[in-house]
Protein backbone atom coordinates (compact mmCIF):
# COMPACT_ATOMS: atom_id res chain seq x y z
CA MET A 1 12.25 11.63 -10.37
CA GLU A 2 12.37 11.18 -6.59
CA GLU A 3 14.26 8.01 -5.75
CA ARG A 4 11.84 6.96 -3.03
CA PHE A 5 9.28 6.08 -5.74
CA ASN A 6 11.69 3.91 -7.63
CA HIS A 7 12.26 0.19 -6.92
CA ARG A 8 8.91 -0.06 -5.16
CA VAL A 9 5.76 -2.21 -5.27
CA LEU A 10 2.73 0.11 -5.11
CA PRO A 11 -0.82 -1.20 -4.50
CA VAL A 12 -3.28 0.71 -6.64
CA ASN A 13 -7.09 0.79 -6.63
CA LYS A 14 -8.06 0.67 -10.30
CA THR A 15 -11.39 2.20 -11.23
CA ALA A 16 -13.82 0.63 -13.67
CA GLY A 17 -13.49 1.79 -17.28
CA VAL A 18 -9.73 2.16 -17.38
CA SER A 19 -7.14 -0.46 -18.26
CA THR A 20 -4.12 -1.49 -16.18
CA TYR A 21 -1.92 0.19 -18.77
CA ASP A 22 -3.92 3.41 -18.43
CA CYS A 23 -2.99 3.33 -14.76
CA ILE A 24 0.66 2.87 -15.66
CA ARG A 25 0.52 5.81 -18.07
CA ARG A 26 -1.08 8.04 -15.40
CA PHE A 27 1.61 7.03 -12.89
CA LYS A 28 4.42 7.79 -15.31
CA ARG A 29 3.01 11.27 -15.95
CA VAL A 30 3.10 12.07 -12.26
CA PHE A 31 6.49 10.55 -11.37
CA CYS A 32 8.43 10.55 -14.66
CA ILE A 33 9.67 6.98 -14.02
CA ASP A 34 10.57 5.14 -17.22
CA LYS A 35 10.56 1.53 -15.93
CA VAL A 36 7.09 0.72 -14.66
CA GLY A 37 5.29 -2.63 -14.83
CA HIS A 38 2.59 -4.61 -13.08
CA ALA A 39 2.00 -7.93 -11.41
CA GLY A 40 -1.20 -8.96 -13.05
CA SER A 41 -3.70 -6.91 -14.99
CA LEU A 42 -7.47 -6.42 -14.48
CA ASP A 43 -9.94 -6.17 -17.33
CA PRO A 44 -11.11 -2.55 -17.95
CA PRO A 45 -14.68 -3.16 -16.66
CA ALA A 46 -13.32 -4.63 -13.38
CA ARG A 47 -12.11 -2.60 -10.46
CA GLY A 48 -9.92 -3.21 -7.50
CA LEU A 49 -6.35 -4.09 -6.60
CA ILE A 50 -3.43 -4.04 -9.04
CA LEU A 51 0.22 -3.87 -8.18
CA LEU A 52 2.46 -1.39 -9.97
CA LEU A 53 6.16 -2.14 -9.98
CA THR A 54 8.97 0.39 -10.53
CA GLY A 55 12.64 -0.02 -11.28
CA GLU A 56 14.14 -3.30 -9.95
CA ALA A 57 10.70 -4.21 -8.61
CA THR A 58 9.62 -5.10 -12.16
CA LYS A 59 11.77 -8.25 -11.74
CA LEU A 60 9.28 -9.45 -9.10
CA SER A 61 6.33 -9.60 -11.47
CA ASN A 62 6.09 -13.38 -11.83
CA TYR A 63 6.72 -14.03 -8.15
CA LEU A 64 3.90 -11.68 -7.18
CA MET A 65 1.52 -13.00 -9.89
CA ASP A 66 1.84 -16.38 -8.31
CA LEU A 67 0.16 -15.12 -5.15
CA PRO A 68 -3.47 -16.21 -4.52
CA LYS A 69 -6.19 -13.63 -5.24
CA ARG A 70 -9.53 -12.76 -3.66
CA TYR A 71 -12.46 -11.43 -5.70
CA ILE A 72 -16.00 -10.30 -5.14
CA ALA A 73 -18.02 -11.17 -8.31
CA ASP A 74 -21.58 -10.35 -9.34
CA ILE A 75 -23.11 -12.93 -11.69
CA GLY A 76 -26.19 -12.17 -13.80
CA LEU A 77 -28.51 -15.04 -14.87
CA GLY A 78 -30.56 -15.29 -18.01
CA GLU A 79 -27.99 -14.10 -20.59
CA ALA A 80 -24.60 -15.42 -21.83
CA THR A 81 -22.28 -13.15 -23.77
CA ASP A 82 -19.38 -13.69 -26.17
CA THR A 83 -16.96 -12.12 -23.71
CA HIS A 84 -18.49 -13.88 -20.63
CA ASP A 85 -19.15 -10.42 -19.04
CA ALA A 86 -21.50 -7.51 -19.45
CA SER A 87 -19.35 -5.79 -22.04
CA GLY A 88 -20.07 -8.47 -24.66
CA LYS A 89 -22.76 -9.31 -27.13
CA VAL A 90 -25.56 -11.53 -25.87
CA VAL A 91 -25.29 -14.92 -27.57
CA ARG A 92 -27.76 -16.93 -25.56
CA THR A 93 -30.76 -16.35 -23.25
CA GLY A 94 -32.72 -18.57 -20.96
CA SER A 95 -35.15 -18.57 -18.08
CA TRP A 96 -33.90 -18.30 -14.49
CA ASP A 97 -37.14 -17.71 -12.53
CA HIS A 98 -37.33 -21.30 -11.43
CA LEU A 99 -34.07 -20.94 -9.38
CA ARG A 100 -33.82 -20.34 -5.68
CA GLU A 101 -30.96 -19.16 -3.52
CA GLU A 102 -30.38 -22.73 -2.22
CA ASP A 103 -29.91 -23.96 -5.83
CA ILE A 104 -26.95 -21.55 -6.23
CA SER A 105 -25.49 -22.49 -2.90
CA SER A 106 -25.70 -26.18 -3.77
CA VAL A 107 -23.53 -25.93 -6.93
CA LEU A 108 -20.72 -23.66 -5.65
CA PRO A 109 -18.83 -26.51 -3.88
CA MET A 110 -18.39 -28.16 -7.31
CA PHE A 111 -15.77 -25.51 -8.11
CA LEU A 112 -13.63 -26.00 -5.03
CA GLY A 113 -10.13 -27.54 -5.36
CA LYS A 114 -7.92 -28.19 -8.34
CA ARG A 115 -9.41 -28.57 -11.80
CA LEU A 116 -8.87 -27.58 -15.41
CA GLN A 117 -10.27 -24.42 -17.01
CA ILE A 118 -10.16 -23.35 -20.61
CA PRO A 119 -9.05 -19.69 -21.00
CA PRO A 120 -11.51 -17.40 -22.81
CA MET A 121 -10.93 -16.13 -26.35
CA TYR A 122 -11.24 -12.58 -24.98
CA SER A 123 -7.97 -12.69 -23.02
CA ALA A 124 -4.40 -11.41 -23.32
CA LEU A 125 -3.04 -14.93 -23.87
CA LYS A 126 -1.23 -15.27 -27.20
CA HIS A 127 -1.64 -17.63 -30.13
CA ARG A 128 1.42 -17.59 -32.40
CA GLY A 129 2.32 -14.18 -31.05
CA THR A 130 -1.12 -12.55 -31.44
CA PRO A 131 -3.28 -11.81 -28.37
CA LEU A 132 -6.41 -13.96 -28.37
CA TYR A 133 -8.71 -10.95 -27.90
CA MET A 134 -7.48 -9.53 -31.23
CA LEU A 135 -8.39 -12.80 -32.94
CA ALA A 136 -11.75 -12.83 -31.18
CA ARG A 137 -12.54 -9.30 -32.42
CA LYS A 138 -12.05 -10.63 -35.96
CA GLY A 139 -14.46 -13.41 -35.36
CA GLN A 140 -11.73 -16.04 -35.16
CA LYS A 141 -11.67 -18.89 -32.67
CA VAL A 142 -8.73 -21.08 -31.88
CA ASP A 143 -8.26 -24.09 -29.65
CA ARG A 144 -6.95 -23.26 -26.19
CA SER A 145 -5.29 -25.74 -23.90
CA PRO A 146 -6.96 -26.11 -20.50
CA ARG A 147 -4.92 -24.87 -17.56
CA GLU A 148 -4.84 -26.20 -14.00
CA ILE A 149 -6.30 -23.75 -11.51
CA GLU A 150 -7.37 -24.04 -7.89
CA THR A 151 -10.20 -22.49 -5.86
CA TYR A 152 -9.48 -22.42 -2.17
CA GLU A 153 -12.76 -20.77 -1.08
CA ILE A 154 -16.03 -19.90 -2.73
CA LYS A 155 -19.13 -18.67 -1.00
CA LEU A 156 -22.42 -16.95 -1.73
CA VAL A 157 -22.45 -13.35 -0.35
CA TRP A 158 -25.98 -12.34 -1.30
CA CYS A 159 -28.68 -13.34 -3.76
CA ARG A 160 -31.16 -10.94 -5.45
CA LEU A 161 -32.16 -12.94 -8.50
CA PRO A 162 -31.40 -12.73 -11.37
CA VAL A 163 -28.12 -11.43 -9.84
CA PHE A 164 -26.09 -13.02 -7.10
CA ARG A 165 -22.68 -12.21 -5.52
CA ILE A 166 -19.93 -14.61 -4.65
CA GLU A 167 -16.54 -14.28 -2.94
CA VAL A 168 -13.76 -16.34 -4.50
CA TYR A 169 -10.26 -17.04 -3.17
CA CYS A 170 -8.24 -18.70 -5.94
CA SER A 171 -4.92 -19.37 -7.56
CA ARG A 172 -3.20 -17.55 -10.42
CA GLY A 173 -4.73 -18.26 -13.80
CA LEU A 174 -8.38 -18.62 -12.85
CA TYR A 175 -10.69 -16.48 -15.02
CA ILE A 176 -13.67 -15.26 -13.02
CA ARG A 177 -15.48 -14.48 -16.22
CA VAL A 178 -15.25 -18.16 -17.21
CA LEU A 179 -16.21 -19.20 -13.70
CA ALA A 180 -19.37 -17.09 -13.95
CA GLU A 181 -20.44 -18.95 -17.07
CA GLU A 182 -19.44 -22.33 -15.58
CA ILE A 183 -21.70 -21.71 -12.61
CA GLY A 184 -24.53 -20.92 -15.02
CA GLU A 185 -23.87 -24.20 -16.87
CA ALA A 186 -24.14 -26.10 -13.55
CA LEU A 187 -27.47 -24.44 -13.00
CA ASN A 188 -28.50 -25.02 -16.66
CA VAL A 189 -29.07 -21.28 -17.09
CA PRO A 190 -27.14 -18.82 -19.30
CA SER A 191 -25.03 -16.46 -17.20
CA HIS A 192 -22.30 -13.81 -17.34
CA LEU A 193 -20.09 -11.78 -15.06
CA SER A 194 -21.86 -8.49 -14.34
CA GLY A 195 -19.32 -6.95 -11.94
CA LEU A 196 -15.96 -7.74 -10.43
CA VAL A 197 -13.72 -6.37 -7.67
CA ARG A 198 -10.30 -7.72 -6.77
CA THR A 199 -9.79 -7.16 -3.02
CA ASN A 200 -6.54 -9.05 -2.27
CA VAL A 201 -3.37 -10.31 -3.92
CA GLY A 202 -1.62 -12.38 -1.34
CA HIS A 203 -0.80 -10.13 1.61
CA PHE A 204 -1.68 -6.94 -0.33
CA ASP A 205 -5.15 -5.57 0.23
CA LEU A 206 -7.40 -3.01 -1.35
CA GLU A 207 -7.67 -0.91 1.81
CA SER A 208 -4.00 0.10 1.58
CA ALA A 209 -4.14 0.91 -2.11
CA VAL A 210 -3.87 4.40 -3.62
CA PRO A 211 -6.73 5.40 -5.99
CA ASP A 212 -5.58 5.50 -9.61
CA ASP A 213 -6.77 9.08 -9.91
CA ALA A 214 -4.89 10.27 -6.84
CA PHE A 215 -1.26 9.29 -7.41
CA GLU A 216 -0.26 12.79 -6.26
CA THR A 217 -1.10 11.74 -2.68
CA LEU A 218 1.99 9.47 -2.74
CA LEU A 219 4.10 12.66 -2.78
CA ASP A 220 3.23 13.17 0.90
CA MET A 221 4.54 9.76 1.95
CA ASP A 222 8.14 9.25 3.10
CA ASP A 223 8.00 5.54 2.37
CA PRO A 224 5.38 4.78 -0.24
CA GLY A 225 4.37 1.21 -1.06
CA TYR A 226 6.68 -1.70 -0.35
CA SER A 227 10.41 -2.32 -0.72
CA LEU A 228 11.46 -5.34 -2.77
CA SER A 229 12.04 -7.38 0.41
CA GLY A 230 8.84 -6.21 2.02
CA ALA A 231 6.83 -7.15 -1.05
CA LEU A 232 8.18 -10.70 -0.78
CA LYS A 233 7.42 -11.10 2.95
CA HIS A 234 5.56 -14.29 2.15
CA LEU A 235 8.91 -15.93 1.32
CA PRO A 236 11.19 -17.17 4.14
CA GLU A 237 14.03 -14.71 4.87
CA ILE A 238 17.70 -15.56 4.96
CA ILE A 239 19.86 -12.67 6.18
CA LEU A 240 23.25 -12.57 4.52
CA SER A 241 26.48 -11.67 6.19
CA GLY A 242 28.56 -8.94 4.65
CA ASP A 243 30.87 -11.56 3.16
CA GLN A 244 27.94 -13.55 1.72
CA ALA A 245 26.42 -10.39 0.22
CA ARG A 246 29.72 -9.48 -1.46
CA LYS A 247 30.03 -12.99 -2.88
CA LEU A 248 26.40 -12.87 -4.10
CA HIS A 249 27.34 -9.77 -6.02
CA ASP A 250 30.01 -11.85 -7.71
CA GLY A 251 27.55 -14.67 -8.52
CA ILE A 252 28.43 -17.00 -5.61
CA ALA A 253 25.39 -18.45 -3.85
CA PRO A 254 25.52 -18.92 -0.11
CA ARG A 255 24.44 -22.08 1.66
CA ALA A 256 21.08 -21.70 3.43
CA VAL A 257 21.88 -21.71 7.10
CA PRO A 258 18.82 -21.47 9.41
CA GLN A 259 18.46 -18.10 11.22
CA ALA A 260 17.74 -17.87 14.92
CA GLU A 261 17.23 -21.65 15.21
CA ALA A 262 14.44 -21.55 12.60
CA ALA A 263 14.01 -24.71 10.54
CA LEU A 264 15.46 -24.75 7.08
CA PRO A 265 12.67 -24.26 4.47
CA PRO A 266 11.68 -27.49 2.65
CA LEU A 267 13.53 -28.61 -0.46
CA GLY A 268 12.40 -26.61 -3.50
CA SER A 269 11.10 -23.67 -1.43
CA LEU A 270 11.79 -20.14 -2.63
CA VAL A 271 13.57 -17.86 -0.12
CA ARG A 272 14.59 -14.19 -0.15
CA LEU A 273 18.27 -13.41 0.53
CA VAL A 274 18.50 -10.14 2.38
CA ARG A 275 21.61 -7.95 2.67
CA PRO A 276 22.82 -6.56 5.97
CA ASP A 277 20.99 -3.27 5.42
CA GLY A 278 17.67 -5.06 4.73
CA SER A 279 17.65 -4.72 0.97
CA LEU A 280 16.81 -7.67 -1.27
CA GLY A 281 19.87 -9.37 -2.68
CA ALA A 282 18.35 -12.34 -4.47
CA ILE A 283 15.60 -14.91 -4.72
CA GLY A 284 16.87 -18.45 -4.23
CA GLU A 285 15.54 -21.99 -4.24
CA VAL A 286 16.48 -24.39 -1.51
CA GLY A 287 18.39 -27.43 -2.87
CA MET A 288 19.93 -30.57 -1.39
CA ALA A 289 21.90 -30.17 1.83
CA GLY A 290 20.71 -26.58 2.14
CA PHE A 291 22.57 -25.31 -0.88
CA LEU A 292 20.76 -22.55 -2.78
CA GLN A 293 20.11 -22.17 -6.46
CA ILE A 294 19.90 -18.46 -7.31
CA LYS A 295 16.80 -17.68 -9.33
CA ARG A 296 17.15 -13.87 -9.59
CA VAL A 297 19.72 -11.36 -8.35
CA PHE A 298 18.80 -7.74 -7.57
CA ARG A 299 21.22 -4.81 -7.78
CA THR A 300 21.64 -2.67 -4.68
CA THR A 301 18.82 -0.10 -4.33
CA ASP A 302 19.05 1.02 -0.69
CA GLY A 303 22.59 2.19 -0.38
CA TRP A 304 24.37 -0.99 0.67
CA LYS A 305 27.86 -1.16 -0.89
CA ARG A 306 30.04 -4.17 -1.28
CA GLY A 307 32.56 -2.75 1.21
CA ASP A 308 30.02 -1.63 3.88
CA ALA A 309 30.55 -4.70 6.04
CA ARG A 310 34.26 -5.21 5.35
CA GLY A 311 36.16 -5.38 8.59
CA ARG A 312 32.97 -5.38 10.66
CA LEU A 313 31.29 -8.75 9.97
């Protein structure tokens, strides 16, 4: 295994028909890295951006999954399915030919902002340790608690009835499959998700992603993907002195002192604590009087040693 592929966040363009875990298995075969995870899966029929995490980067999973996502979704009218998408069995049909493009445009603003959404049965969420989709395949249905989600933007891209395309910018936890059916309910017409592409996860975009069938192209890159600190560039940065970095290694949190006259991040904000060499030391939360609560510490991955700054800083 070449070390430059370890402890990295790698944007990947997943093709339709393969699962996120298929992508992980393909990646492992090419690079022989044991510790590989992801920061949010995509259903097999969907395509687009997923983030593979290697080594210490697997610790970033929850922080990256919290990033907002952008999707392009095709919604088909006239049929509802048990999975809410085109892979499922049709459970309801209805007429759509009375609808016009302006009817669809008029209901989309209903889904902006914060609201509650009930997760689908065909999902990876667990009920008493069993994934819901496994229960659904057995014909079982269980109550699911609604979850708060937020839609920041939603707009109609094109309309060729009975199919129309929307672009959605939303929070973690929103199921586009469920949204497709919810829009149909607002129109009083059965509907389902007929196609989905994830184009963005926070500051990561599909254009910079490597195709999931071309991982070998990463071998030609000196600096593939993102370092741990680079992947968290959405979090304010606090650069540690050599002494602070050594104390962090011993479990002692520094006080958050503003850098270069920048304002201290607000109380409760997450920050990234960066060692003198630029590697990520920890993720912290700003507390009272600027004191930090350490949420996650990362071992050195870029060559910084506890004694590197001794006598110099």
